[in-house]
Amino acid sequence: MARYCAKCGAEVTEGSKFCKSCGAPVGDTQQGTTNQKVQAKTVSTNRKSGKKAPMVIGIIAVIVVVLAGVGIKNAATSVPDYEKPLKYEIDGINKNNTKTYKKAFLDGDAPTGDEYLKGYLKEIKKISYEVESVDNISVMGLLDTIAVRGIQSKDIQDAKTLEVSLKAKTEDGEHTTTIEFDVIKVDDQWYALDDILY
């Protein structure tokens, strides 16, 4: 009958003092059949993968938590597409950045001239907003405004009026007001018709 290493389960030849596979002394051998050898190797393999399982589960758990956190942050900070032009104007004011402010407009140019815009941005220390309501509006109601801006009514896919509560901090203190802010959708992008500084 064949002899097997007690440590690794490999077959040990007659007269060997050490196992050829693991180097264990031959005195530690077991007699058995080939099936026992395979079973011994299977058990040791299962033990190794058992140690990896908690680590893999831990890594997966960390990834899930990170992705959930990113999703919650994006949901909390995202605004509807039609509100983005207003957000560009507000962010431009708060960051004192005319380039960000102008991203709100179709042609990338605010109705307020650059010199006035820079002056306004310096006066306002911080501005915050809250959209109180959103109404769909007819393009026909915007004809005068869009004609002045050189926008064709046929190019407008949608239009909305946002009722917005503004709170601005200046050197003179805090001021609040409510405005109507018109936005239009052209080529699947929303743009401001109104310049909140005008």
N, C-alpha and C. Protein backbone atom coordinates (compact mmCIF):
# COMPACT_ATOMS: atom_id res chain seq x y z
N MET A 1 0.84 -1.17 0.00
CA MET A 1 0.00 0.00 0.00
C MET A 1 0.89 1.24 0.00
N ALA A 2 0.48 2.29 -0.69
CA ALA A 2 1.28 3.50 -0.82
C ALA A 2 1.25 4.29 0.47
N ARG A 3 2.33 5.06 0.68
CA ARG A 3 2.41 5.91 1.86
C ARG A 3 2.32 7.37 1.41
N TYR A 4 1.73 8.19 2.29
CA TYR A 4 1.50 9.59 1.95
C TYR A 4 2.01 10.48 3.06
N CYS A 5 2.48 11.64 2.67
CA CYS A 5 3.00 12.63 3.63
C CYS A 5 1.84 13.13 4.50
N ALA A 6 2.07 13.16 5.80
CA ALA A 6 1.04 13.63 6.73
C ALA A 6 0.84 15.14 6.61
N LYS A 7 1.84 15.86 6.13
CA LYS A 7 1.75 17.32 6.05
C LYS A 7 1.04 17.79 4.78
N CYS A 8 1.45 17.28 3.61
CA CYS A 8 0.88 17.78 2.35
C CYS A 8 0.03 16.76 1.61
N GLY A 9 0.12 15.50 1.96
CA GLY A 9 -0.69 14.48 1.30
C GLY A 9 -0.06 13.90 0.05
N ALA A 10 1.18 14.30 -0.28
CA ALA A 10 1.85 13.77 -1.48
C ALA A 10 2.33 12.35 -1.22
N GLU A 11 2.42 11.55 -2.28
CA GLU A 11 2.88 10.16 -2.15
C GLU A 11 4.38 10.17 -1.84
N VAL A 12 4.77 9.34 -0.87
CA VAL A 12 6.16 9.24 -0.45
C VAL A 12 6.69 7.88 -0.91
N THR A 13 7.87 7.88 -1.55
CA THR A 13 8.46 6.62 -2.04
C THR A 13 9.12 5.88 -0.88
N GLU A 14 9.21 4.55 -1.03
CA GLU A 14 9.82 3.70 0.00
C GLU A 14 11.27 4.11 0.21
N GLY A 15 11.69 4.22 1.43
CA GLY A 15 13.06 4.50 1.76
C GLY A 15 13.40 5.98 1.81
N SER A 16 12.49 6.85 1.47
CA SER A 16 12.75 8.30 1.50
C SER A 16 12.72 8.78 2.94
N LYS A 17 13.63 9.71 3.27
CA LYS A 17 13.66 10.28 4.60
C LYS A 17 12.84 11.58 4.66
N PHE A 18 12.64 12.24 3.48
CA PHE A 18 11.89 13.49 3.42
C PHE A 18 10.90 13.45 2.27
N CYS A 19 9.82 14.17 2.40
CA CYS A 19 8.79 14.28 1.34
C CYS A 19 9.36 15.11 0.20
N LYS A 20 9.18 14.65 -1.04
CA LYS A 20 9.69 15.38 -2.20
C LYS A 20 8.90 16.67 -2.44
N SER A 21 7.67 16.73 -1.99
CA SER A 21 6.83 17.92 -2.24
C SER A 21 7.05 19.03 -1.23
N CYS A 22 6.98 18.68 0.07
CA CYS A 22 7.04 19.75 1.07
C CYS A 22 8.28 19.70 1.95
N GLY A 23 9.06 18.62 1.89
CA GLY A 23 10.28 18.52 2.68
C GLY A 23 10.07 18.03 4.10
N ALA A 24 8.87 17.61 4.44
CA ALA A 24 8.59 17.11 5.79
C ALA A 24 9.30 15.77 6.00
N PRO A 25 9.74 15.46 7.24
CA PRO A 25 10.37 14.16 7.51
C PRO A 25 9.41 13.03 7.16
N VAL A 26 9.98 11.93 6.61
CA VAL A 26 9.16 10.81 6.15
C VAL A 26 8.52 10.08 7.32
N GLY A 27 9.02 10.21 8.50
CA GLY A 27 8.43 9.54 9.65
C GLY A 27 6.97 9.94 9.82
N ASP A 28 6.62 11.11 9.33
CA ASP A 28 5.25 11.60 9.43
C ASP A 28 4.48 11.21 8.18
N THR A 29 4.24 9.96 7.98
CA THR A 29 3.50 9.52 6.80
C THR A 29 2.25 8.80 7.23
N GLN A 30 1.31 8.72 6.31
CA GLN A 30 0.08 8.00 6.56
C GLN A 30 -0.12 7.01 5.44
N GLN A 31 -0.71 5.89 5.78
CA GLN A 31 -1.05 4.93 4.75
C GLN A 31 -2.48 5.18 4.34
N GLY A 32 -2.74 5.01 3.08
CA GLY A 32 -4.11 5.21 2.62
C GLY A 32 -4.21 4.96 1.14
N THR A 33 -5.34 5.27 0.60
CA THR A 33 -5.58 5.08 -0.82
C THR A 33 -5.43 6.40 -1.55
N THR A 34 -5.46 6.34 -2.86
CA THR A 34 -5.34 7.54 -3.68
C THR A 34 -6.47 8.52 -3.39
N ASN A 35 -7.66 8.05 -3.11
CA ASN A 35 -8.79 8.93 -2.82
C ASN A 35 -8.52 9.78 -1.59
N GLN A 36 -7.85 9.21 -0.61
CA GLN A 36 -7.53 9.98 0.58
C GLN A 36 -6.55 11.10 0.27
N LYS A 37 -5.63 10.84 -0.64
CA LYS A 37 -4.66 11.86 -1.03
C LYS A 37 -5.37 13.06 -1.65
N VAL A 38 -6.29 12.81 -2.56
CA VAL A 38 -7.03 13.88 -3.22
C VAL A 38 -7.87 14.64 -2.21
N GLN A 39 -8.45 13.90 -1.28
CA GLN A 39 -9.28 14.54 -0.27
C GLN A 39 -8.44 15.45 0.62
N ALA A 40 -7.25 15.03 0.98
CA ALA A 40 -6.39 15.85 1.82
C ALA A 40 -6.01 17.14 1.12
N LYS A 41 -5.71 17.07 -0.19
CA LYS A 41 -5.36 18.28 -0.94
C LYS A 41 -6.56 19.20 -1.05
N THR A 42 -7.74 18.66 -1.23
CA THR A 42 -8.96 19.47 -1.36
C THR A 42 -9.22 20.25 -0.08
N VAL A 43 -9.02 19.60 1.05
CA VAL A 43 -9.25 20.25 2.33
C VAL A 43 -8.32 21.44 2.49
N SER A 44 -7.03 21.27 2.17
CA SER A 44 -6.10 22.38 2.34
C SER A 44 -6.40 23.51 1.37
N THR A 45 -6.87 23.21 0.16
CA THR A 45 -7.23 24.24 -0.80
C THR A 45 -8.43 25.03 -0.31
N ASN A 46 -9.40 24.34 0.26
CA ASN A 46 -10.59 25.02 0.78
C ASN A 46 -10.23 25.96 1.92
N ARG A 47 -9.27 25.57 2.73
CA ARG A 47 -8.86 26.43 3.83
C ARG A 47 -8.26 27.73 3.31
N LYS A 48 -7.47 27.66 2.25
CA LYS A 48 -6.86 28.86 1.68
C LYS A 48 -7.92 29.79 1.13
N SER A 49 -8.87 29.26 0.37
CA SER A 49 -9.90 30.13 -0.20
C SER A 49 -10.82 30.66 0.88
N GLY A 50 -10.95 29.96 1.99
CA GLY A 50 -11.76 30.43 3.10
C GLY A 50 -11.17 31.68 3.72
N LYS A 51 -9.85 31.82 3.68
CA LYS A 51 -9.19 33.01 4.22
C LYS A 51 -9.40 34.21 3.30
N LYS A 52 -9.52 33.97 2.01
CA LYS A 52 -9.69 35.06 1.04
C LYS A 52 -11.12 35.59 1.02
N ALA A 53 -12.08 34.76 1.35
CA ALA A 53 -13.49 35.15 1.26
C ALA A 53 -13.81 36.39 2.10
N PRO A 54 -13.41 36.46 3.37
CA PRO A 54 -13.73 37.68 4.14
C PRO A 54 -13.08 38.93 3.54
N MET A 55 -11.87 38.78 2.99
CA MET A 55 -11.20 39.92 2.39
C MET A 55 -11.95 40.39 1.15
N VAL A 56 -12.38 39.46 0.31
CA VAL A 56 -13.13 39.81 -0.90
C VAL A 56 -14.46 40.46 -0.52
N ILE A 57 -15.14 39.90 0.46
CA ILE A 57 -16.41 40.47 0.92
C ILE A 57 -16.19 41.88 1.46
N GLY A 58 -15.11 42.07 2.21
CA GLY A 58 -14.78 43.40 2.74
C GLY A 58 -14.53 44.41 1.65
N ILE A 59 -13.78 44.03 0.62
CA ILE A 59 -13.49 44.93 -0.50
C ILE A 59 -14.78 45.29 -1.22
N ILE A 60 -15.63 44.31 -1.46
CA ILE A 60 -16.91 44.57 -2.13
C ILE A 60 -17.77 45.51 -1.29
N ALA A 61 -17.79 45.31 0.02
CA ALA A 61 -18.57 46.18 0.91
C ALA A 61 -18.07 47.62 0.85
N VAL A 62 -16.75 47.81 0.84
CA VAL A 62 -16.18 49.16 0.75
C VAL A 62 -16.58 49.83 -0.56
N ILE A 63 -16.50 49.08 -1.66
CA ILE A 63 -16.88 49.63 -2.97
C ILE A 63 -18.34 50.04 -2.98
N VAL A 64 -19.22 49.21 -2.43
CA VAL A 64 -20.65 49.52 -2.38
C VAL A 64 -20.90 50.79 -1.57
N VAL A 65 -20.23 50.91 -0.42
CA VAL A 65 -20.41 52.09 0.42
C VAL A 65 -19.94 53.35 -0.30
N VAL A 66 -18.80 53.29 -0.97
CA VAL A 66 -18.28 54.45 -1.70
C VAL A 66 -19.23 54.85 -2.82
N LEU A 67 -19.69 53.88 -3.60
CA LEU A 67 -20.62 54.19 -4.70
C LEU A 67 -21.93 54.76 -4.18
N ALA A 68 -22.42 54.23 -3.07
CA ALA A 68 -23.66 54.76 -2.49
C ALA A 68 -23.45 56.20 -2.04
N GLY A 69 -22.31 56.49 -1.43
CA GLY A 69 -22.02 57.85 -1.00
C GLY A 69 -21.94 58.82 -2.15
N VAL A 70 -21.31 58.42 -3.24
CA VAL A 70 -21.21 59.27 -4.44
C VAL A 70 -22.60 59.51 -5.01
N GLY A 71 -23.42 58.47 -5.06
CA GLY A 71 -24.78 58.61 -5.58
C GLY A 71 -25.62 59.56 -4.75
N ILE A 72 -25.50 59.46 -3.43
CA ILE A 72 -26.25 60.35 -2.54
C ILE A 72 -25.77 61.78 -2.71
N LYS A 73 -24.47 61.99 -2.80
CA LYS A 73 -23.93 63.34 -2.98
C LYS A 73 -24.43 63.95 -4.29
N ASN A 74 -24.39 63.16 -5.38
CA ASN A 74 -24.85 63.67 -6.67
C ASN A 74 -26.34 63.99 -6.64
N ALA A 75 -27.12 63.16 -5.98
CA ALA A 75 -28.55 63.41 -5.90
C ALA A 75 -28.83 64.66 -5.07
N ALA A 76 -28.04 64.88 -4.04
CA ALA A 76 -28.26 66.03 -3.17
C ALA A 76 -27.81 67.34 -3.82
N THR A 77 -26.80 67.29 -4.68
CA THR A 77 -26.27 68.53 -5.26
C THR A 77 -26.75 68.79 -6.68
N SER A 78 -27.44 67.85 -7.26
CA SER A 78 -27.85 68.05 -8.65
C SER A 78 -29.09 68.94 -8.71
N VAL A 79 -29.21 69.66 -9.80
CA VAL A 79 -30.37 70.51 -10.05
C VAL A 79 -30.98 70.09 -11.38
N PRO A 80 -32.27 70.35 -11.56
CA PRO A 80 -32.87 70.04 -12.87
C PRO A 80 -32.15 70.82 -13.97
N ASP A 81 -32.14 70.27 -15.17
CA ASP A 81 -31.43 70.91 -16.28
C ASP A 81 -31.88 72.34 -16.52
N TYR A 82 -33.18 72.60 -16.40
CA TYR A 82 -33.67 73.96 -16.66
C TYR A 82 -33.20 74.97 -15.61
N GLU A 83 -32.70 74.48 -14.48
CA GLU A 83 -32.22 75.36 -13.41
C GLU A 83 -30.72 75.68 -13.55
N LYS A 84 -30.03 74.97 -14.41
CA LYS A 84 -28.58 75.14 -14.55
C LYS A 84 -28.16 76.56 -14.96
N PRO A 85 -28.88 77.24 -15.87
CA PRO A 85 -28.47 78.62 -16.18
C PRO A 85 -28.48 79.53 -14.96
N LEU A 86 -29.49 79.38 -14.11
CA LEU A 86 -29.56 80.16 -12.88
C LEU A 86 -28.37 79.82 -11.98
N LYS A 87 -28.05 78.55 -11.88
CA LYS A 87 -26.92 78.11 -11.06
C LYS A 87 -25.60 78.68 -11.59
N TYR A 88 -25.44 78.73 -12.93
CA TYR A 88 -24.23 79.34 -13.50
C TYR A 88 -24.11 80.81 -13.07
N GLU A 89 -25.22 81.53 -13.14
CA GLU A 89 -25.17 82.95 -12.75
C GLU A 89 -24.82 83.08 -11.27
N ILE A 90 -25.48 82.29 -10.42
CA ILE A 90 -25.22 82.36 -8.98
C ILE A 90 -23.76 81.96 -8.68
N ASP A 91 -23.30 80.86 -9.27
CA ASP A 91 -21.91 80.42 -9.05
C ASP A 91 -20.92 81.47 -9.55
N GLY A 92 -21.21 82.09 -10.69
CA GLY A 92 -20.34 83.14 -11.22
C GLY A 92 -20.22 84.31 -10.27
N ILE A 93 -21.34 84.68 -9.65
CA ILE A 93 -21.32 85.78 -8.68
C ILE A 93 -20.52 85.37 -7.44
N ASN A 94 -20.82 84.20 -6.90
CA ASN A 94 -20.16 83.76 -5.67
C ASN A 94 -18.66 83.52 -5.85
N LYS A 95 -18.25 83.14 -7.04
CA LYS A 95 -16.83 82.89 -7.31
C LYS A 95 -16.15 84.09 -7.95
N ASN A 96 -16.92 85.17 -8.15
CA ASN A 96 -16.41 86.38 -8.80
C ASN A 96 -15.77 86.01 -10.14
N ASN A 97 -16.50 85.22 -10.94
CA ASN A 97 -15.98 84.66 -12.18
C ASN A 97 -16.94 84.98 -13.33
N THR A 98 -16.56 85.92 -14.18
CA THR A 98 -17.44 86.32 -15.29
C THR A 98 -17.62 85.19 -16.30
N LYS A 99 -16.61 84.36 -16.48
CA LYS A 99 -16.70 83.26 -17.44
C LYS A 99 -17.80 82.27 -17.03
N THR A 100 -17.83 81.91 -15.75
CA THR A 100 -18.88 81.01 -15.25
C THR A 100 -20.24 81.68 -15.39
N TYR A 101 -20.32 82.96 -15.05
CA TYR A 101 -21.58 83.69 -15.14
C TYR A 101 -22.13 83.66 -16.57
N LYS A 102 -21.25 83.85 -17.54
CA LYS A 102 -21.67 83.93 -18.95
C LYS A 102 -22.07 82.58 -19.53
N LYS A 103 -21.70 81.47 -18.88
CA LYS A 103 -22.10 80.15 -19.37
C LYS A 103 -23.62 79.99 -19.37
N ALA A 104 -24.32 80.84 -18.65
CA ALA A 104 -25.77 80.76 -18.55
C ALA A 104 -26.46 81.19 -19.84
N PHE A 105 -25.75 81.90 -20.71
CA PHE A 105 -26.39 82.53 -21.86
C PHE A 105 -26.07 81.82 -23.17
N LEU A 106 -27.03 81.85 -24.08
CA LEU A 106 -26.93 81.13 -25.35
C LEU A 106 -25.67 81.51 -26.13
N ASP A 107 -25.40 82.76 -26.25
CA ASP A 107 -24.23 83.19 -27.02
C ASP A 107 -22.99 83.36 -26.14
N GLY A 108 -23.09 82.97 -24.87
CA GLY A 108 -21.95 83.09 -23.96
C GLY A 108 -21.63 84.51 -23.57
N ASP A 109 -22.58 85.41 -23.78
CA ASP A 109 -22.36 86.82 -23.48
C ASP A 109 -23.56 87.35 -22.71
N ALA A 110 -23.32 87.83 -21.51
CA ALA A 110 -24.40 88.36 -20.68
C ALA A 110 -24.88 89.69 -21.22
N PRO A 111 -26.19 89.97 -21.08
CA PRO A 111 -26.71 91.27 -21.51
C PRO A 111 -26.05 92.45 -20.78
N THR A 112 -25.62 92.22 -19.55
CA THR A 112 -24.90 93.24 -18.80
C THR A 112 -23.48 93.29 -19.36
N GLY A 113 -22.99 94.49 -19.67
CA GLY A 113 -21.64 94.64 -20.20
C GLY A 113 -20.59 94.15 -19.21
N ASP A 114 -19.41 93.84 -19.73
CA ASP A 114 -18.34 93.29 -18.91
C ASP A 114 -17.94 94.20 -17.75
N GLU A 115 -17.84 95.49 -17.99
CA GLU A 115 -17.43 96.40 -16.92
C GLU A 115 -18.46 96.45 -15.80
N TYR A 116 -19.74 96.53 -16.17
CA TYR A 116 -20.80 96.52 -15.16
C TYR A 116 -20.83 95.18 -14.42
N LEU A 117 -20.66 94.11 -15.19
CA LEU A 117 -20.67 92.77 -14.60
C LEU A 117 -19.57 92.63 -13.56
N LYS A 118 -18.37 93.05 -13.88
CA LYS A 118 -17.25 92.97 -12.94
C LYS A 118 -17.53 93.82 -11.69
N GLY A 119 -18.13 94.98 -11.89
CA GLY A 119 -18.48 95.84 -10.76
C GLY A 119 -19.51 95.19 -9.85
N TYR A 120 -20.55 94.60 -10.45
CA TYR A 120 -21.57 93.91 -9.66
C TYR A 120 -20.98 92.73 -8.89
N LEU A 121 -20.10 91.99 -9.55
CA LEU A 121 -19.52 90.82 -8.91
C LEU A 121 -18.69 91.22 -7.69
N LYS A 122 -18.07 92.38 -7.72
CA LYS A 122 -17.29 92.85 -6.58
C LYS A 122 -18.19 93.31 -5.44
N GLU A 123 -19.35 93.89 -5.77
CA GLU A 123 -20.26 94.40 -4.74
C GLU A 123 -20.93 93.29 -3.94
N ILE A 124 -21.29 92.21 -4.62
CA ILE A 124 -22.04 91.14 -3.96
C ILE A 124 -21.05 90.15 -3.36
N LYS A 125 -21.13 89.99 -2.06
CA LYS A 125 -20.22 89.08 -1.35
C LYS A 125 -20.66 87.63 -1.49
N LYS A 126 -21.94 87.39 -1.37
CA LYS A 126 -22.49 86.03 -1.49
C LYS A 126 -23.96 86.14 -1.84
N ILE A 127 -24.39 85.21 -2.69
CA ILE A 127 -25.80 85.18 -3.07
C ILE A 127 -26.27 83.73 -3.03
N SER A 128 -27.47 83.54 -2.53
CA SER A 128 -28.06 82.20 -2.50
C SER A 128 -29.46 82.30 -3.11
N TYR A 129 -29.98 81.16 -3.51
CA TYR A 129 -31.29 81.18 -4.16
C TYR A 129 -32.10 79.94 -3.80
N GLU A 130 -33.39 80.07 -3.99
CA GLU A 130 -34.29 78.94 -3.87
C GLU A 130 -35.38 79.11 -4.92
N VAL A 131 -35.58 78.07 -5.71
CA VAL A 131 -36.63 78.11 -6.73
C VAL A 131 -37.95 77.80 -6.03
N GLU A 132 -38.86 78.77 -6.05
CA GLU A 132 -40.15 78.63 -5.39
C GLU A 132 -41.15 77.88 -6.26
N SER A 133 -41.15 78.17 -7.57
CA SER A 133 -42.09 77.50 -8.48
C SER A 133 -41.53 77.53 -9.90
N VAL A 134 -42.06 76.63 -10.73
CA VAL A 134 -41.65 76.53 -12.12
C VAL A 134 -42.91 76.45 -12.97
N ASP A 135 -43.00 77.31 -13.97
CA ASP A 135 -44.16 77.30 -14.87
C ASP A 135 -43.69 77.19 -16.31
N ASN A 136 -44.39 76.36 -17.08
CA ASN A 136 -44.14 76.31 -18.53
C ASN A 136 -44.71 77.57 -19.13
N ILE A 137 -44.01 78.13 -20.09
CA ILE A 137 -44.51 79.34 -20.75
C ILE A 137 -44.49 79.15 -22.26
N SER A 138 -45.31 79.92 -22.91
CA SER A 138 -45.39 79.88 -24.36
C SER A 138 -44.26 80.70 -24.96
N VAL A 139 -43.72 80.21 -26.05
CA VAL A 139 -42.68 80.96 -26.76
C VAL A 139 -43.25 82.29 -27.24
N MET A 140 -44.53 82.31 -27.55
CA MET A 140 -45.17 83.55 -28.02
C MET A 140 -45.06 84.66 -26.98
N GLY A 141 -45.06 84.30 -25.71
CA GLY A 141 -44.93 85.29 -24.65
C GLY A 141 -43.52 85.85 -24.54
N LEU A 142 -42.58 85.24 -25.23
CA LEU A 142 -41.18 85.67 -25.16
C LEU A 142 -40.71 86.38 -26.43
N LEU A 143 -41.62 86.60 -27.38
CA LEU A 143 -41.22 87.13 -28.69
C LEU A 143 -40.40 88.41 -28.60
N ASP A 144 -40.82 89.35 -27.77
CA ASP A 144 -40.08 90.61 -27.65
C ASP A 144 -38.66 90.36 -27.14
N THR A 145 -38.55 89.55 -26.10
CA THR A 145 -37.24 89.28 -25.49
C THR A 145 -36.32 88.55 -26.45
N ILE A 146 -36.83 87.50 -27.11
CA ILE A 146 -35.96 86.72 -27.99
C ILE A 146 -35.60 87.48 -29.26
N ALA A 147 -36.48 88.38 -29.70
CA ALA A 147 -36.18 89.18 -30.89
C ALA A 147 -34.99 90.10 -30.61
N VAL A 148 -34.96 90.70 -29.43
CA VAL A 148 -33.86 91.58 -29.05
C VAL A 148 -32.55 90.80 -29.00
N ARG A 149 -32.60 89.56 -28.58
CA ARG A 149 -31.40 88.74 -28.45
C ARG A 149 -31.03 88.03 -29.75
N GLY A 150 -31.85 88.15 -30.78
CA GLY A 150 -31.55 87.52 -32.06
C GLY A 150 -31.82 86.02 -32.08
N ILE A 151 -32.72 85.56 -31.23
CA ILE A 151 -33.05 84.13 -31.16
C ILE A 151 -34.33 83.90 -31.97
N GLN A 152 -34.33 82.87 -32.78
CA GLN A 152 -35.50 82.52 -33.59
C GLN A 152 -36.45 81.66 -32.76
N SER A 153 -37.74 81.96 -32.81
CA SER A 153 -38.71 81.20 -32.03
C SER A 153 -38.75 79.73 -32.45
N LYS A 154 -38.47 79.45 -33.72
CA LYS A 154 -38.49 78.06 -34.20
C LYS A 154 -37.37 77.22 -33.59
N ASP A 155 -36.33 77.87 -33.07
CA ASP A 155 -35.21 77.16 -32.46
C ASP A 155 -35.47 76.76 -31.00
N ILE A 156 -36.49 77.35 -30.40
CA ILE A 156 -36.77 77.11 -28.98
C ILE A 156 -37.60 75.85 -28.81
N GLN A 157 -37.06 74.89 -28.09
CA GLN A 157 -37.74 73.61 -27.85
C GLN A 157 -38.68 73.67 -26.65
N ASP A 158 -38.35 74.50 -25.66
CA ASP A 158 -39.14 74.59 -24.44
C ASP A 158 -38.80 75.91 -23.77
N ALA A 159 -39.70 76.36 -22.90
CA ALA A 159 -39.46 77.60 -22.16
C ALA A 159 -40.14 77.51 -20.80
N LYS A 160 -39.50 78.07 -19.79
CA LYS A 160 -40.05 78.04 -18.43
C LYS A 160 -39.75 79.35 -17.73
N THR A 161 -40.62 79.67 -16.78
CA THR A 161 -40.37 80.78 -15.87
C THR A 161 -40.18 80.21 -14.48
N LEU A 162 -39.06 80.55 -13.88
CA LEU A 162 -38.77 80.12 -12.51
C LEU A 162 -39.03 81.29 -11.58
N GLU A 163 -39.81 81.06 -10.54
CA GLU A 163 -39.96 82.09 -9.52
C GLU A 163 -38.88 81.80 -8.49
N VAL A 164 -37.97 82.76 -8.33
CA VAL A 164 -36.76 82.53 -7.54
C VAL A 164 -36.66 83.53 -6.40
N SER A 165 -36.41 83.01 -5.22
CA SER A 165 -36.15 83.84 -4.05
C SER A 165 -34.63 83.99 -3.94
N LEU A 166 -34.16 85.24 -3.96
CA LEU A 166 -32.72 85.52 -3.87
C LEU A 166 -32.39 86.17 -2.54
N LYS A 167 -31.24 85.78 -1.98
CA LYS A 167 -30.74 86.41 -0.76
C LYS A 167 -29.29 86.79 -1.04
N ALA A 168 -29.01 88.10 -1.03
CA ALA A 168 -27.67 88.58 -1.36
C ALA A 168 -27.05 89.30 -0.16
N LYS A 169 -25.76 89.03 0.07
CA LYS A 169 -25.01 89.74 1.11
C LYS A 169 -24.08 90.71 0.42
N THR A 170 -24.20 91.98 0.80
CA THR A 170 -23.34 93.03 0.25
C THR A 170 -22.72 93.79 1.42
N GLU A 171 -21.94 94.81 1.10
CA GLU A 171 -21.36 95.64 2.16
C GLU A 171 -22.45 96.35 2.95
N ASP A 172 -23.60 96.59 2.32
CA ASP A 172 -24.71 97.29 2.97
C ASP A 172 -25.57 96.36 3.83
N GLY A 173 -25.29 95.08 3.84
CA GLY A 173 -26.10 94.14 4.62
C GLY A 173 -26.69 93.05 3.74
N GLU A 174 -27.75 92.45 4.25
CA GLU A 174 -28.39 91.35 3.53
C GLU A 174 -29.68 91.84 2.88
N HIS A 175 -29.87 91.44 1.63
CA HIS A 175 -31.05 91.85 0.88
C HIS A 175 -31.74 90.61 0.33
N THR A 176 -33.06 90.60 0.36
CA THR A 176 -33.82 89.49 -0.23
C THR A 176 -34.82 90.05 -1.23
N THR A 177 -35.06 89.26 -2.25
CA THR A 177 -36.03 89.64 -3.27
C THR A 177 -36.51 88.38 -3.98
N THR A 178 -37.63 88.49 -4.66
CA THR A 178 -38.14 87.39 -5.47
C THR A 178 -38.23 87.88 -6.91
N ILE A 179 -37.71 87.07 -7.83
CA ILE A 179 -37.71 87.45 -9.24
C ILE A 179 -38.32 86.34 -10.09
N GLU A 180 -38.71 86.70 -11.30
CA GLU A 180 -39.09 85.71 -12.30
C GLU A 180 -37.91 85.57 -13.24
N PHE A 181 -37.48 84.35 -13.46
CA PHE A 181 -36.28 84.06 -14.23
C PHE A 181 -36.67 83.16 -15.39
N ASP A 182 -36.60 83.69 -16.62
CA ASP A 182 -37.00 82.93 -17.81
C ASP A 182 -35.82 82.15 -18.39
N VAL A 183 -36.09 80.89 -18.73
CA VAL A 183 -35.08 80.04 -19.36
C VAL A 183 -35.68 79.41 -20.62
N ILE A 184 -34.81 79.17 -21.61
CA ILE A 184 -35.25 78.54 -22.86
C ILE A 184 -34.35 77.34 -23.16
N LYS A 185 -34.92 76.41 -23.90
CA LYS A 185 -34.16 75.23 -24.31
C LYS A 185 -33.93 75.31 -25.81
N VAL A 186 -32.65 75.33 -26.19
CA VAL A 186 -32.25 75.39 -27.60
C VAL A 186 -31.19 74.31 -27.81
N ASP A 187 -31.38 73.49 -28.82
CA ASP A 187 -30.44 72.39 -29.10
C ASP A 187 -30.18 71.52 -27.86
N ASP A 188 -31.25 71.21 -27.15
CA ASP A 188 -31.22 70.33 -25.97
C ASP A 188 -30.43 70.90 -24.79
N GLN A 189 -30.15 72.19 -24.80
CA GLN A 189 -29.47 72.86 -23.68
C GLN A 189 -30.36 74.00 -23.18
N TRP A 190 -30.35 74.22 -21.88
CA TRP A 190 -31.12 75.32 -21.29
C TRP A 190 -30.22 76.55 -21.13
N TYR A 191 -30.81 77.71 -21.43
CA TYR A 191 -30.09 78.98 -21.34
C TYR A 191 -30.97 80.02 -20.65
N ALA A 192 -30.31 80.99 -20.04
CA ALA A 192 -31.01 82.08 -19.37
C ALA A 192 -31.40 83.15 -20.38
N LEU A 193 -32.60 83.66 -20.22
CA LEU A 193 -32.99 84.87 -20.95
C LEU A 193 -32.79 86.08 -20.05
N ASP A 194 -32.75 85.82 -18.76
CA ASP A 194 -32.65 86.90 -17.79
C ASP A 194 -31.25 86.97 -17.19
N ASP A 195 -30.83 88.17 -16.96
CA ASP A 195 -29.57 88.46 -16.30
C ASP A 195 -29.94 88.96 -14.90
N ILE A 196 -29.68 88.17 -13.87
CA ILE A 196 -30.15 88.57 -12.54
C ILE A 196 -29.47 89.84 -12.03
N LEU A 197 -28.40 90.25 -12.66
CA LEU A 197 -27.74 91.49 -12.25
C LEU A 197 -28.24 92.71 -13.01
N TYR A 198 -29.07 92.51 -14.00
CA TYR A 198 -29.50 93.61 -14.86
C TYR A 198 -30.61 94.39 -14.23
